[in-house]
């Protein structure tokens, strides 16, 4: 991992992009990294576009602003490709990961000629199979960890078990489904280019 990795998340209110960015920050912190995880809101309502951010580094982080030139972008809702420039500032040696079933040509045509790596994953299908409902943030969380190589799969999964036990203390029945979603996501990331 580079000394500092910056990630920008694009989603819609209620899809868990903010929660995923905070879970990623916690997991990275628990593996000895310095972290930041924070959202940016527009109109606060279900379905409205939201942006969340992560900074993960090997040294103390002294920057406290939004991220304008991310190494990685995670798009939790592919309908945002029609209305938001998700590649704005995205470094060409980084990558974008999109929750989608759209074909590769559609993706390339909506990514403003982005020349870096493009990955896609069907987080809807994964979450519906493992959780019984559409919660795309869990598979997208696994996808960003895999693509960015922020931490090992083993460290990440170990931390997520503990995190889910805390987060879902009153609903322990959802822990297994979330862990299955993380595991399944690893094998279903597709590189577009």
N, C-alpha and C. Protein backbone atom coordinates (compact mmCIF):
# COMPACT_ATOMS: atom_id res chain seq x y z
N UNK A 1 0.84 -1.18 0.00
CA UNK A 1 0.00 0.00 0.00
C UNK A 1 0.88 1.25 0.00
N UNK A 2 0.45 2.27 -0.75
CA UNK A 2 1.14 3.56 -0.71
C UNK A 2 1.04 4.14 0.70
N UNK A 3 1.83 5.17 0.97
CA UNK A 3 1.78 5.81 2.30
C UNK A 3 0.42 6.40 2.62
N UNK A 4 -0.31 6.89 1.59
CA UNK A 4 -1.64 7.46 1.80
C UNK A 4 -2.53 7.09 0.62
N UNK A 5 -3.69 6.54 0.93
CA UNK A 5 -4.68 6.21 -0.09
C UNK A 5 -5.93 7.02 0.22
N UNK A 6 -6.48 7.66 -0.84
CA UNK A 6 -7.70 8.44 -0.69
C UNK A 6 -8.80 7.80 -1.53
N UNK A 7 -9.96 7.66 -0.92
CA UNK A 7 -11.10 6.99 -1.55
C UNK A 7 -12.32 7.90 -1.47
N UNK A 8 -13.05 7.97 -2.59
CA UNK A 8 -14.31 8.72 -2.61
C UNK A 8 -15.43 7.74 -2.94
N UNK A 9 -16.47 7.77 -2.14
CA UNK A 9 -17.64 6.92 -2.32
C UNK A 9 -18.78 7.75 -2.89
N UNK A 10 -19.49 7.23 -3.89
CA UNK A 10 -20.70 7.85 -4.42
C UNK A 10 -21.86 6.88 -4.24
N UNK A 11 -22.93 7.34 -3.62
CA UNK A 11 -24.10 6.51 -3.43
C UNK A 11 -25.33 7.37 -3.29
N UNK A 12 -26.38 6.75 -2.86
CA UNK A 12 -27.63 7.46 -2.58
C UNK A 12 -27.98 7.22 -1.12
N UNK A 13 -28.64 8.20 -0.52
CA UNK A 13 -29.03 8.07 0.87
C UNK A 13 -29.78 6.78 1.12
N UNK A 14 -29.37 6.02 2.12
CA UNK A 14 -30.03 4.77 2.46
C UNK A 14 -29.36 3.54 1.91
N UNK A 15 -28.33 3.69 1.05
CA UNK A 15 -27.65 2.54 0.47
C UNK A 15 -26.43 2.10 1.28
N UNK A 16 -26.05 2.89 2.25
CA UNK A 16 -24.96 2.48 3.13
C UNK A 16 -23.57 2.91 2.73
N UNK A 17 -23.43 3.85 1.80
CA UNK A 17 -22.09 4.32 1.42
C UNK A 17 -21.36 4.94 2.60
N UNK A 18 -22.08 5.75 3.38
CA UNK A 18 -21.46 6.37 4.55
C UNK A 18 -21.06 5.30 5.56
N UNK A 19 -21.92 4.36 5.82
CA UNK A 19 -21.62 3.29 6.76
C UNK A 19 -20.42 2.47 6.29
N UNK A 20 -20.38 2.16 5.00
CA UNK A 20 -19.25 1.39 4.46
C UNK A 20 -17.94 2.15 4.63
N UNK A 21 -17.96 3.46 4.39
CA UNK A 21 -16.72 4.23 4.53
C UNK A 21 -16.26 4.24 5.99
N UNK A 22 -17.21 4.29 6.92
CA UNK A 22 -16.84 4.28 8.34
C UNK A 22 -16.36 2.89 8.77
N UNK A 23 -16.97 1.83 8.26
CA UNK A 23 -16.51 0.47 8.57
C UNK A 23 -15.11 0.24 8.02
N UNK A 24 -14.85 0.76 6.82
CA UNK A 24 -13.51 0.63 6.24
C UNK A 24 -12.49 1.37 7.09
N UNK A 25 -12.84 2.56 7.54
CA UNK A 25 -11.93 3.33 8.41
C UNK A 25 -11.63 2.56 9.69
N UNK A 26 -12.65 2.00 10.31
CA UNK A 26 -12.45 1.23 11.54
C UNK A 26 -11.56 0.02 11.31
N UNK A 27 -11.81 -0.70 10.22
CA UNK A 27 -11.01 -1.90 9.93
C UNK A 27 -9.55 -1.53 9.68
N UNK A 28 -9.33 -0.45 8.93
CA UNK A 28 -7.96 -0.02 8.67
C UNK A 28 -7.27 0.42 9.96
N UNK A 29 -8.00 1.14 10.80
CA UNK A 29 -7.45 1.57 12.09
C UNK A 29 -7.03 0.36 12.93
N UNK A 30 -7.86 -0.66 12.93
CA UNK A 30 -7.58 -1.85 13.72
C UNK A 30 -6.40 -2.67 13.19
N UNK A 31 -5.95 -2.36 11.98
CA UNK A 31 -4.75 -3.02 11.45
C UNK A 31 -3.54 -2.09 11.55
N UNK A 32 -3.67 -1.01 12.32
CA UNK A 32 -2.53 -0.14 12.58
C UNK A 32 -2.37 1.05 11.66
N UNK A 33 -3.37 1.31 10.83
CA UNK A 33 -3.29 2.44 9.90
C UNK A 33 -3.84 3.71 10.56
N UNK A 34 -3.45 4.82 10.02
CA UNK A 34 -4.06 6.10 10.37
C UNK A 34 -5.23 6.29 9.42
N UNK A 35 -6.31 6.84 9.92
CA UNK A 35 -7.53 6.86 9.10
C UNK A 35 -8.33 8.14 9.23
N UNK A 36 -9.15 8.37 8.21
CA UNK A 36 -10.24 9.33 8.24
C UNK A 36 -11.39 8.69 7.47
N UNK A 37 -12.59 8.87 7.95
CA UNK A 37 -13.78 8.42 7.26
C UNK A 37 -14.88 9.41 7.56
N UNK A 38 -15.43 10.04 6.52
CA UNK A 38 -16.42 11.09 6.76
C UNK A 38 -17.33 11.26 5.55
N UNK A 39 -18.59 11.65 5.79
CA UNK A 39 -19.54 11.88 4.69
C UNK A 39 -19.63 13.36 4.33
N UNK A 40 -20.21 13.59 3.17
CA UNK A 40 -20.59 14.94 2.76
C UNK A 40 -22.04 14.84 2.30
N UNK A 41 -22.88 15.66 2.85
CA UNK A 41 -24.30 15.59 2.53
C UNK A 41 -24.73 16.77 1.69
N UNK A 42 -25.70 16.48 0.84
CA UNK A 42 -26.45 17.54 0.18
C UNK A 42 -27.78 17.56 0.90
N UNK A 43 -28.88 17.57 0.14
CA UNK A 43 -30.19 17.48 0.79
C UNK A 43 -30.30 16.11 1.47
N UNK A 44 -30.53 16.12 2.76
CA UNK A 44 -30.53 14.87 3.52
C UNK A 44 -31.87 14.17 3.39
N UNK A 45 -31.96 13.30 2.39
CA UNK A 45 -33.18 12.53 2.23
C UNK A 45 -32.84 11.20 1.56
N UNK A 46 -33.68 10.23 1.79
CA UNK A 46 -33.51 8.91 1.22
C UNK A 46 -33.46 9.02 -0.30
N UNK A 47 -32.46 8.43 -0.91
CA UNK A 47 -32.35 8.42 -2.36
C UNK A 47 -31.56 9.57 -2.96
N UNK A 48 -31.25 10.60 -2.17
CA UNK A 48 -30.46 11.73 -2.68
C UNK A 48 -29.00 11.32 -2.79
N UNK A 49 -28.28 11.84 -3.79
CA UNK A 49 -26.86 11.51 -3.91
C UNK A 49 -26.07 11.96 -2.68
N UNK A 50 -25.18 11.09 -2.23
CA UNK A 50 -24.28 11.44 -1.13
C UNK A 50 -22.87 11.06 -1.52
N UNK A 51 -21.93 11.68 -0.87
CA UNK A 51 -20.52 11.37 -1.08
C UNK A 51 -19.91 11.11 0.29
N UNK A 52 -19.05 10.12 0.35
CA UNK A 52 -18.32 9.82 1.58
C UNK A 52 -16.85 9.64 1.20
N UNK A 53 -15.99 9.76 2.19
CA UNK A 53 -14.55 9.76 1.91
C UNK A 53 -13.79 8.91 2.93
N UNK A 54 -12.65 8.40 2.48
CA UNK A 54 -11.68 7.74 3.36
C UNK A 54 -10.28 8.20 3.00
N UNK A 55 -9.50 8.43 4.03
CA UNK A 55 -8.05 8.56 3.90
C UNK A 55 -7.48 7.48 4.78
N UNK A 56 -6.56 6.70 4.23
CA UNK A 56 -5.94 5.61 4.98
C UNK A 56 -4.45 5.70 4.72
N UNK A 57 -3.67 5.82 5.80
CA UNK A 57 -2.24 6.02 5.63
C UNK A 57 -1.39 5.28 6.64
N UNK A 58 -0.11 5.25 6.34
CA UNK A 58 0.87 4.64 7.23
C UNK A 58 1.43 5.65 8.23
N UNK A 59 1.13 6.93 8.02
CA UNK A 59 1.63 8.00 8.88
C UNK A 59 0.46 8.89 9.30
N UNK A 60 0.63 9.70 10.35
CA UNK A 60 -0.47 10.60 10.75
C UNK A 60 -0.96 11.45 9.57
N UNK A 61 -2.26 11.65 9.50
CA UNK A 61 -2.89 12.40 8.41
C UNK A 61 -3.19 13.80 8.90
N UNK A 62 -2.63 14.79 8.23
CA UNK A 62 -2.81 16.18 8.66
C UNK A 62 -3.76 16.97 7.76
N UNK A 63 -4.21 16.36 6.67
CA UNK A 63 -5.13 17.02 5.75
C UNK A 63 -6.55 16.79 6.27
N UNK A 64 -7.35 17.86 6.29
CA UNK A 64 -8.73 17.74 6.78
C UNK A 64 -9.67 18.47 5.82
N UNK A 65 -9.80 17.91 4.63
CA UNK A 65 -10.68 18.49 3.62
C UNK A 65 -11.33 17.35 2.85
N UNK A 66 -12.27 17.70 1.98
CA UNK A 66 -12.81 16.70 1.07
C UNK A 66 -11.67 16.17 0.21
N UNK A 67 -11.94 15.12 -0.51
CA UNK A 67 -10.93 14.52 -1.38
C UNK A 67 -11.26 14.89 -2.82
N UNK A 68 -10.35 15.59 -3.45
CA UNK A 68 -10.58 16.08 -4.81
C UNK A 68 -9.85 15.27 -5.86
N UNK A 69 -8.81 14.55 -5.48
CA UNK A 69 -8.05 13.72 -6.42
C UNK A 69 -7.86 12.33 -5.81
N UNK A 70 -8.95 11.55 -5.76
CA UNK A 70 -8.88 10.24 -5.10
C UNK A 70 -8.04 9.23 -5.89
N UNK A 71 -7.53 8.26 -5.14
CA UNK A 71 -6.87 7.12 -5.77
C UNK A 71 -7.90 6.12 -6.26
N UNK A 72 -9.00 6.02 -5.51
CA UNK A 72 -10.06 5.07 -5.83
C UNK A 72 -11.41 5.74 -5.67
N UNK A 73 -12.35 5.31 -6.52
CA UNK A 73 -13.74 5.75 -6.41
C UNK A 73 -14.61 4.51 -6.35
N UNK A 74 -15.57 4.52 -5.44
CA UNK A 74 -16.55 3.43 -5.31
C UNK A 74 -17.92 4.01 -5.65
N UNK A 75 -18.58 3.43 -6.63
CA UNK A 75 -19.91 3.88 -7.04
C UNK A 75 -20.90 2.81 -6.61
N UNK A 76 -21.68 3.12 -5.59
CA UNK A 76 -22.62 2.17 -5.01
C UNK A 76 -23.90 2.06 -5.84
N UNK A 77 -24.22 3.09 -6.63
CA UNK A 77 -25.44 3.11 -7.44
C UNK A 77 -25.09 3.57 -8.85
N UNK A 78 -25.21 2.68 -9.82
CA UNK A 78 -24.79 3.02 -11.18
C UNK A 78 -25.67 4.05 -11.86
N UNK A 79 -26.84 4.38 -11.31
CA UNK A 79 -27.65 5.45 -11.91
C UNK A 79 -26.96 6.81 -11.76
N UNK A 80 -26.03 6.89 -10.83
CA UNK A 80 -25.28 8.14 -10.64
C UNK A 80 -24.36 8.44 -11.82
N UNK A 81 -24.04 7.43 -12.61
CA UNK A 81 -23.19 7.65 -13.79
C UNK A 81 -23.85 8.61 -14.77
N UNK A 82 -25.17 8.70 -14.73
CA UNK A 82 -25.92 9.58 -15.63
C UNK A 82 -25.90 11.04 -15.16
N UNK A 83 -25.69 11.25 -13.85
CA UNK A 83 -25.85 12.61 -13.33
C UNK A 83 -24.66 13.18 -12.58
N UNK A 84 -23.70 12.35 -12.20
CA UNK A 84 -22.56 12.80 -11.40
C UNK A 84 -21.27 12.42 -12.13
N UNK A 85 -20.33 13.34 -12.19
CA UNK A 85 -19.02 13.02 -12.78
C UNK A 85 -18.20 12.27 -11.74
N UNK A 86 -18.40 10.96 -11.68
CA UNK A 86 -17.77 10.14 -10.65
C UNK A 86 -16.26 10.02 -10.85
N UNK A 87 -15.77 10.33 -12.04
CA UNK A 87 -14.32 10.25 -12.30
C UNK A 87 -13.60 11.57 -12.08
N UNK A 88 -14.30 12.59 -11.66
CA UNK A 88 -13.66 13.91 -11.46
C UNK A 88 -12.46 13.77 -10.53
N UNK A 89 -11.30 14.14 -11.04
CA UNK A 89 -10.08 14.12 -10.24
C UNK A 89 -9.49 12.75 -9.99
N UNK A 90 -10.15 11.69 -10.42
CA UNK A 90 -9.67 10.32 -10.16
C UNK A 90 -8.34 10.07 -10.85
N UNK A 91 -7.36 9.65 -10.06
CA UNK A 91 -6.02 9.40 -10.59
C UNK A 91 -6.04 8.21 -11.54
N UNK A 92 -5.29 8.34 -12.64
CA UNK A 92 -5.27 7.28 -13.64
C UNK A 92 -4.53 6.03 -13.18
N UNK A 93 -3.71 6.15 -12.13
CA UNK A 93 -3.05 4.94 -11.62
C UNK A 93 -3.88 4.31 -10.50
N UNK A 94 -5.10 4.79 -10.32
CA UNK A 94 -6.02 4.23 -9.33
C UNK A 94 -7.05 3.36 -10.01
N UNK A 95 -8.27 3.40 -9.51
CA UNK A 95 -9.33 2.57 -10.10
C UNK A 95 -10.69 3.07 -9.64
N UNK A 96 -11.70 2.67 -10.42
CA UNK A 96 -13.09 2.91 -10.06
C UNK A 96 -13.78 1.56 -9.98
N UNK A 97 -14.62 1.39 -8.97
CA UNK A 97 -15.37 0.16 -8.76
C UNK A 97 -16.84 0.52 -8.76
N UNK A 98 -17.62 -0.15 -9.61
CA UNK A 98 -19.02 0.21 -9.80
C UNK A 98 -19.92 -0.98 -9.51
N UNK A 99 -20.97 -0.75 -8.75
CA UNK A 99 -22.02 -1.74 -8.53
C UNK A 99 -22.93 -1.68 -9.75
N UNK A 100 -22.81 -2.67 -10.64
CA UNK A 100 -23.58 -2.61 -11.88
C UNK A 100 -23.65 -3.96 -12.56
N UNK A 101 -24.63 -4.09 -13.44
CA UNK A 101 -24.70 -5.21 -14.37
C UNK A 101 -24.64 -4.69 -15.81
N UNK A 102 -24.40 -3.39 -15.95
CA UNK A 102 -24.33 -2.79 -17.29
C UNK A 102 -23.12 -3.34 -18.04
N UNK A 103 -23.20 -3.32 -19.38
CA UNK A 103 -22.10 -3.85 -20.17
C UNK A 103 -20.91 -2.89 -20.17
N UNK A 104 -19.77 -3.42 -20.55
CA UNK A 104 -18.52 -2.66 -20.48
C UNK A 104 -18.54 -1.41 -21.35
N UNK A 105 -19.14 -1.49 -22.51
CA UNK A 105 -19.18 -0.32 -23.40
C UNK A 105 -20.00 0.81 -22.79
N UNK A 106 -21.11 0.48 -22.15
CA UNK A 106 -21.92 1.49 -21.46
C UNK A 106 -21.07 2.18 -20.40
N UNK A 107 -20.37 1.38 -19.61
CA UNK A 107 -19.56 1.95 -18.53
C UNK A 107 -18.49 2.88 -19.08
N UNK A 108 -17.75 2.41 -20.06
CA UNK A 108 -16.68 3.24 -20.63
C UNK A 108 -17.24 4.55 -21.19
N UNK A 109 -18.40 4.49 -21.82
CA UNK A 109 -18.97 5.70 -22.43
C UNK A 109 -19.46 6.70 -21.37
N UNK A 110 -19.74 6.24 -20.16
CA UNK A 110 -20.23 7.13 -19.10
C UNK A 110 -19.15 7.54 -18.11
N UNK A 111 -17.92 7.15 -18.36
CA UNK A 111 -16.84 7.46 -17.43
C UNK A 111 -15.87 8.51 -17.98
N UNK A 112 -16.34 9.35 -18.86
CA UNK A 112 -15.58 10.51 -19.33
C UNK A 112 -14.18 10.14 -19.82
N UNK A 113 -14.08 9.01 -20.55
CA UNK A 113 -12.80 8.55 -21.10
C UNK A 113 -11.75 8.28 -20.03
N UNK A 114 -12.18 7.88 -18.86
CA UNK A 114 -11.23 7.55 -17.79
C UNK A 114 -10.31 6.43 -18.26
N UNK A 115 -9.02 6.63 -18.11
CA UNK A 115 -8.04 5.69 -18.64
C UNK A 115 -7.49 4.72 -17.60
N UNK A 116 -7.88 4.87 -16.34
CA UNK A 116 -7.41 3.97 -15.30
C UNK A 116 -8.21 2.67 -15.28
N UNK A 117 -7.99 1.88 -14.26
CA UNK A 117 -8.67 0.60 -14.14
C UNK A 117 -10.13 0.78 -13.74
N UNK A 118 -10.97 -0.03 -14.37
CA UNK A 118 -12.41 -0.02 -14.10
C UNK A 118 -12.81 -1.43 -13.68
N UNK A 119 -13.51 -1.52 -12.55
CA UNK A 119 -13.99 -2.80 -12.07
C UNK A 119 -15.49 -2.70 -11.86
N UNK A 120 -16.17 -3.84 -11.99
CA UNK A 120 -17.60 -3.86 -11.69
C UNK A 120 -17.91 -5.10 -10.86
N UNK A 121 -19.01 -4.99 -10.13
CA UNK A 121 -19.48 -6.09 -9.30
C UNK A 121 -21.00 -5.95 -9.17
N UNK A 122 -21.70 -7.06 -9.17
CA UNK A 122 -23.14 -7.04 -9.01
C UNK A 122 -23.48 -7.16 -7.53
N UNK A 123 -23.37 -6.05 -6.82
CA UNK A 123 -23.62 -6.03 -5.38
C UNK A 123 -25.09 -6.29 -5.05
N UNK A 124 -25.97 -5.96 -5.98
CA UNK A 124 -27.41 -6.24 -5.75
C UNK A 124 -27.62 -7.75 -5.62
N UNK A 125 -27.15 -8.49 -6.59
CA UNK A 125 -27.34 -9.94 -6.58
C UNK A 125 -26.69 -10.58 -5.35
N UNK A 126 -25.49 -10.15 -5.03
CA UNK A 126 -24.78 -10.70 -3.87
C UNK A 126 -25.56 -10.44 -2.59
N UNK A 127 -26.00 -9.20 -2.40
CA UNK A 127 -26.70 -8.86 -1.15
C UNK A 127 -28.06 -9.56 -1.08
N UNK A 128 -28.76 -9.67 -2.20
CA UNK A 128 -30.05 -10.34 -2.17
C UNK A 128 -29.90 -11.84 -1.87
N UNK A 129 -28.82 -12.46 -2.39
CA UNK A 129 -28.58 -13.88 -2.13
C UNK A 129 -28.17 -14.13 -0.68
N UNK A 130 -27.37 -13.26 -0.13
CA UNK A 130 -26.80 -13.51 1.20
C UNK A 130 -27.59 -12.85 2.34
N UNK A 131 -28.25 -11.73 2.05
CA UNK A 131 -28.96 -10.99 3.09
C UNK A 131 -30.48 -10.99 2.91
N UNK A 132 -30.92 -11.41 1.71
CA UNK A 132 -32.35 -11.43 1.45
C UNK A 132 -32.94 -10.07 1.10
N UNK A 133 -32.10 -9.04 1.07
CA UNK A 133 -32.52 -7.68 0.74
C UNK A 133 -31.38 -6.96 0.03
N UNK A 134 -31.71 -5.81 -0.53
CA UNK A 134 -30.71 -5.04 -1.27
C UNK A 134 -29.94 -4.11 -0.34
N UNK A 135 -28.75 -4.56 0.07
CA UNK A 135 -27.82 -3.76 0.86
C UNK A 135 -26.47 -3.81 0.13
N UNK A 136 -26.25 -2.91 -0.82
CA UNK A 136 -25.04 -3.00 -1.65
C UNK A 136 -23.75 -2.65 -0.95
N UNK A 137 -23.82 -1.99 0.21
CA UNK A 137 -22.60 -1.51 0.83
C UNK A 137 -21.67 -2.62 1.28
N UNK A 138 -22.20 -3.75 1.75
CA UNK A 138 -21.33 -4.82 2.24
C UNK A 138 -20.47 -5.40 1.11
N UNK A 139 -21.05 -5.80 -0.04
CA UNK A 139 -20.18 -6.29 -1.12
C UNK A 139 -19.23 -5.22 -1.65
N UNK A 140 -19.67 -3.97 -1.67
CA UNK A 140 -18.79 -2.89 -2.18
C UNK A 140 -17.61 -2.68 -1.24
N UNK A 141 -17.82 -2.89 0.03
CA UNK A 141 -16.75 -2.77 1.02
C UNK A 141 -15.67 -3.82 0.75
N UNK A 142 -16.07 -5.06 0.50
CA UNK A 142 -15.10 -6.10 0.16
C UNK A 142 -14.38 -5.77 -1.15
N UNK A 143 -15.12 -5.24 -2.12
CA UNK A 143 -14.53 -4.92 -3.42
C UNK A 143 -13.42 -3.87 -3.30
N UNK A 144 -13.65 -2.81 -2.52
CA UNK A 144 -12.62 -1.77 -2.40
C UNK A 144 -11.40 -2.29 -1.65
N UNK A 145 -11.60 -3.15 -0.66
CA UNK A 145 -10.46 -3.71 0.05
C UNK A 145 -9.63 -4.58 -0.89
N UNK A 146 -10.30 -5.38 -1.72
CA UNK A 146 -9.59 -6.25 -2.67
C UNK A 146 -8.84 -5.44 -3.72
N UNK A 147 -9.50 -4.48 -4.33
CA UNK A 147 -8.89 -3.72 -5.43
C UNK A 147 -7.78 -2.80 -4.91
N UNK A 148 -7.98 -2.17 -3.78
CA UNK A 148 -6.99 -1.21 -3.26
C UNK A 148 -5.85 -1.86 -2.50
N UNK A 149 -6.05 -3.09 -2.05
CA UNK A 149 -5.05 -3.82 -1.27
C UNK A 149 -4.66 -3.07 0.01
N UNK A 150 -5.64 -2.42 0.63
CA UNK A 150 -5.42 -1.67 1.86
C UNK A 150 -4.96 -2.59 2.98
N UNK A 151 -5.51 -3.80 3.01
CA UNK A 151 -5.15 -4.78 4.03
C UNK A 151 -5.41 -6.17 3.46
N UNK A 152 -4.94 -7.17 4.15
CA UNK A 152 -5.15 -8.53 3.67
C UNK A 152 -6.61 -8.93 3.86
N UNK A 153 -7.04 -9.86 3.05
CA UNK A 153 -8.40 -10.38 3.17
C UNK A 153 -8.62 -10.96 4.56
N UNK A 154 -7.64 -11.69 5.07
CA UNK A 154 -7.77 -12.33 6.37
C UNK A 154 -7.95 -11.30 7.48
N UNK A 155 -7.10 -10.25 7.49
CA UNK A 155 -7.22 -9.20 8.50
C UNK A 155 -8.57 -8.50 8.40
N UNK A 156 -8.98 -8.23 7.18
CA UNK A 156 -10.25 -7.54 6.96
C UNK A 156 -11.42 -8.37 7.49
N UNK A 157 -11.49 -9.63 7.10
CA UNK A 157 -12.61 -10.47 7.51
C UNK A 157 -12.64 -10.67 9.02
N UNK A 158 -11.47 -10.82 9.61
CA UNK A 158 -11.41 -10.97 11.07
C UNK A 158 -11.97 -9.71 11.75
N UNK A 159 -11.57 -8.56 11.26
CA UNK A 159 -12.06 -7.32 11.85
C UNK A 159 -13.56 -7.14 11.62
N UNK A 160 -14.04 -7.53 10.45
CA UNK A 160 -15.45 -7.34 10.14
C UNK A 160 -16.34 -8.22 11.01
N UNK A 161 -15.90 -9.42 11.36
CA UNK A 161 -16.68 -10.26 12.26
C UNK A 161 -16.90 -9.52 13.58
N UNK A 162 -15.82 -8.98 14.12
CA UNK A 162 -15.92 -8.24 15.38
C UNK A 162 -16.79 -6.99 15.22
N UNK A 163 -16.61 -6.29 14.12
CA UNK A 163 -17.38 -5.07 13.87
C UNK A 163 -18.88 -5.38 13.75
N UNK A 164 -19.21 -6.44 13.00
CA UNK A 164 -20.62 -6.81 12.83
C UNK A 164 -21.22 -7.28 14.15
N UNK A 165 -20.44 -7.97 14.98
CA UNK A 165 -20.95 -8.41 16.29
C UNK A 165 -21.35 -7.20 17.13
N UNK A 166 -20.56 -6.14 17.04
CA UNK A 166 -20.87 -4.91 17.77
C UNK A 166 -22.06 -4.19 17.13
N UNK A 167 -21.97 -3.98 15.81
CA UNK A 167 -23.00 -3.22 15.09
C UNK A 167 -24.36 -3.90 15.15
N UNK A 168 -24.37 -5.23 15.06
CA UNK A 168 -25.62 -5.98 15.03
C UNK A 168 -25.86 -6.76 16.32
N UNK A 169 -25.45 -6.19 17.44
CA UNK A 169 -25.62 -6.87 18.73
C UNK A 169 -27.07 -7.26 18.99
N UNK A 170 -28.00 -6.45 18.53
CA UNK A 170 -29.42 -6.74 18.76
C UNK A 170 -30.04 -7.53 17.61
N UNK A 171 -29.26 -7.76 16.54
CA UNK A 171 -29.74 -8.55 15.40
C UNK A 171 -28.64 -9.52 14.96
N UNK A 172 -28.20 -10.42 15.84
CA UNK A 172 -27.08 -11.29 15.50
C UNK A 172 -27.34 -12.20 14.30
N UNK A 173 -28.61 -12.38 13.95
CA UNK A 173 -28.93 -13.25 12.82
C UNK A 173 -28.44 -12.69 11.48
N UNK A 174 -28.13 -11.41 11.39
CA UNK A 174 -27.66 -10.84 10.13
C UNK A 174 -26.14 -10.89 9.96
N UNK A 175 -25.43 -11.31 10.99
CA UNK A 175 -23.97 -11.35 10.91
C UNK A 175 -23.50 -12.34 9.86
N UNK A 176 -24.03 -13.55 9.88
CA UNK A 176 -23.60 -14.57 8.91
C UNK A 176 -23.84 -14.11 7.48
N UNK A 177 -24.99 -13.52 7.22
CA UNK A 177 -25.30 -13.05 5.87
C UNK A 177 -24.33 -11.98 5.41
N UNK A 178 -23.99 -11.06 6.30
CA UNK A 178 -23.03 -10.02 5.94
C UNK A 178 -21.65 -10.61 5.67
N UNK A 179 -21.24 -11.58 6.47
CA UNK A 179 -19.94 -12.21 6.24
C UNK A 179 -19.94 -12.99 4.91
N UNK A 180 -21.05 -13.65 4.59
CA UNK A 180 -21.17 -14.36 3.31
C UNK A 180 -21.11 -13.37 2.15
N UNK A 181 -21.73 -12.21 2.33
CA UNK A 181 -21.69 -11.18 1.27
C UNK A 181 -20.27 -10.72 1.02
N UNK A 182 -19.50 -10.52 2.09
CA UNK A 182 -18.10 -10.12 1.93
C UNK A 182 -17.31 -11.19 1.18
N UNK A 183 -17.46 -12.44 1.61
CA UNK A 183 -16.74 -13.56 0.98
C UNK A 183 -17.12 -13.69 -0.49
N UNK A 184 -18.40 -13.64 -0.79
CA UNK A 184 -18.86 -13.81 -2.17
C UNK A 184 -18.36 -12.68 -3.07
N UNK A 185 -18.31 -11.48 -2.53
CA UNK A 185 -17.87 -10.33 -3.33
C UNK A 185 -16.46 -10.52 -3.86
N UNK A 186 -15.60 -11.13 -3.05
CA UNK A 186 -14.21 -11.33 -3.46
C UNK A 186 -14.10 -12.05 -4.79
N UNK A 187 -14.95 -13.02 -5.01
CA UNK A 187 -14.84 -13.85 -6.21
C UNK A 187 -15.63 -13.28 -7.40
N UNK A 188 -16.33 -12.17 -7.20
CA UNK A 188 -17.19 -11.68 -8.28
C UNK A 188 -16.82 -10.29 -8.79
N UNK A 189 -15.64 -9.83 -8.49
CA UNK A 189 -15.16 -8.55 -9.01
C UNK A 189 -14.65 -8.80 -10.43
N UNK A 190 -15.13 -8.01 -11.36
CA UNK A 190 -14.74 -8.16 -12.77
C UNK A 190 -13.98 -6.93 -13.22
N UNK A 191 -12.81 -7.15 -13.81
CA UNK A 191 -12.06 -6.04 -14.38
C UNK A 191 -12.58 -5.76 -15.77
N UNK A 192 -12.97 -4.51 -16.03
CA UNK A 192 -13.57 -4.13 -17.30
C UNK A 192 -12.51 -3.91 -18.38
N UNK A 193 -11.38 -3.32 -18.01
CA UNK A 193 -10.36 -3.02 -19.02
C UNK A 193 -9.02 -3.59 -18.63
